[in-house]
Amino acid sequence: MTAQESLERLKEGNSRFVAGKLDGKLQDSSRRDALVGGQSPHAIVLSCADKGAEIDTVVKKNAELTALELMGRSSIIGKAVASGEVKVTAGYYNLDSGRVDFL
């Protein structure tokens, strides 16, 4: 799956969520049990929020540190990054443009 296809899939899912049209297929215990053996996500989404005088700098640094911490804490994600299966990229929601800006 390309990055653009992954982004479109995320946008479609978000549209369903906003419209209240959840299909429920990923929300039961049998699905969770099936994921114990391993996962192959097409995207990993992190979010964070922070307030302060230099909000732009703080939010960007927080996003960078969160991405690094995630790779260090999660053996699953760490292995996926090391093998080249996944690339972790920090980003933040830009209130001015309404887009996610990647660092």
Protein backbone atom coordinates (compact mmCIF):
# COMPACT_ATOMS: atom_id res chain seq x y z
CA MET A 1 0.00 0.00 0.00
CA THR A 2 1.37 3.39 -0.93
CA ALA A 3 1.48 6.33 1.49
CA GLN A 4 -1.31 8.03 -0.50
CA GLU A 5 -3.50 4.90 -0.38
CA SER A 6 -2.91 4.64 3.36
CA LEU A 7 -3.84 8.29 3.87
CA GLU A 8 -7.03 7.84 1.82
CA ARG A 9 -7.96 4.78 3.87
CA LEU A 10 -7.49 6.79 7.08
CA LYS A 11 -9.60 9.66 5.71
CA GLU A 12 -12.38 7.27 4.68
CA GLY A 13 -12.39 5.71 8.15
CA ASN A 14 -12.47 9.13 9.77
CA SER A 15 -15.43 10.13 7.59
CA ARG A 16 -17.31 6.99 8.68
CA PHE A 17 -16.47 7.75 12.33
CA VAL A 18 -17.65 11.39 12.07
CA ALA A 19 -20.87 10.21 10.36
CA GLY A 20 -21.45 7.64 13.13
CA LYS A 21 -21.31 4.76 10.65
CA LEU A 22 -19.10 2.32 12.55
CA ASP A 23 -19.21 -1.20 11.17
CA GLY A 24 -18.07 -2.81 14.43
CA LYS A 25 -15.92 -5.51 12.84
CA LEU A 26 -12.81 -4.38 14.73
CA GLN A 27 -14.53 -3.90 18.06
CA ASP A 28 -15.16 -7.37 19.49
CA SER A 29 -13.06 -9.71 21.62
CA SER A 30 -12.56 -12.29 18.83
CA ARG A 31 -10.90 -9.62 16.68
CA ARG A 32 -8.67 -8.55 19.56
CA ASP A 33 -7.72 -12.20 20.21
CA ALA A 34 -6.81 -12.61 16.52
CA LEU A 35 -4.36 -9.70 16.77
CA VAL A 36 -2.34 -11.22 19.59
CA GLY A 37 -0.26 -13.26 17.13
CA GLY A 38 0.91 -10.17 15.25
CA GLN A 39 -0.22 -7.14 13.36
CA SER A 40 0.61 -5.44 10.06
CA PRO A 41 -0.75 -1.90 10.31
CA HIS A 42 -0.86 0.28 7.20
CA ALA A 43 -0.42 3.36 9.41
CA ILE A 44 0.30 4.33 13.00
CA VAL A 45 -1.29 7.53 14.26
CA LEU A 46 0.01 9.36 17.32
CA SER A 47 -1.43 12.50 18.74
CA CYS A 48 -0.46 14.92 21.44
CA ALA A 49 -1.40 18.34 22.71
CA ASP A 50 0.50 20.87 24.76
CA LYS A 51 0.10 24.51 25.73
CA GLY A 52 2.65 27.18 26.42
CA ALA A 53 4.27 30.42 25.31
CA GLU A 54 6.15 28.86 22.37
CA ILE A 55 3.43 26.43 21.41
CA ASP A 56 4.75 25.67 17.94
CA THR A 57 8.19 24.68 19.22
CA VAL A 58 6.81 22.71 22.16
CA VAL A 59 4.32 20.75 20.06
CA LYS A 60 6.92 19.90 17.41
CA LYS A 61 9.45 18.74 20.01
CA ASN A 62 6.76 16.76 21.83
CA ALA A 63 5.81 15.00 18.59
CA GLU A 64 9.46 14.11 17.92
CA LEU A 65 9.98 12.80 21.44
CA THR A 66 6.73 10.83 21.39
CA ALA A 67 7.75 9.10 18.16
CA LEU A 68 11.19 8.23 19.59
CA GLU A 69 9.68 6.97 22.84
CA LEU A 70 7.19 4.82 20.95
CA MET A 71 9.97 3.14 19.00
CA GLY A 72 11.96 2.55 22.20
CA ARG A 73 9.08 1.26 24.32
CA SER A 74 7.32 -1.00 21.86
CA SER A 75 9.28 -4.03 20.80
CA ILE A 76 6.72 -4.69 18.06
CA ILE A 77 7.09 -1.23 16.53
CA GLY A 78 10.85 -1.19 17.17
CA LYS A 79 11.27 -4.46 15.24
CA ALA A 80 9.02 -3.24 12.43
CA VAL A 81 11.07 -0.04 12.10
CA ALA A 82 14.37 -1.94 12.22
CA SER A 83 13.22 -4.35 9.50
CA GLY A 84 11.97 -1.52 7.27
CA GLU A 85 8.30 -2.62 7.46
CA VAL A 86 7.24 0.63 9.12
CA LYS A 87 8.56 4.17 9.16
CA VAL A 88 7.70 6.29 12.18
CA THR A 89 7.33 9.97 11.33
CA ALA A 90 6.39 12.68 13.80
CA GLY A 91 3.64 15.07 12.86
CA TYR A 92 1.21 17.55 14.34
CA TYR A 93 -2.19 18.97 13.48
CA ASN A 94 -1.78 22.46 12.07
CA LEU A 95 -4.69 24.60 13.29
CA ASP A 96 -4.03 27.27 10.67
CA SER A 97 -4.17 24.97 7.65
CA GLY A 98 -6.28 22.10 9.00
CA ARG A 99 -3.64 19.62 7.82
CA VAL A 100 -1.26 17.28 9.56
CA ASP A 101 2.27 18.59 9.08
CA PHE A 102 5.03 16.00 9.24
CA LEU A 103 8.42 16.85 10.73
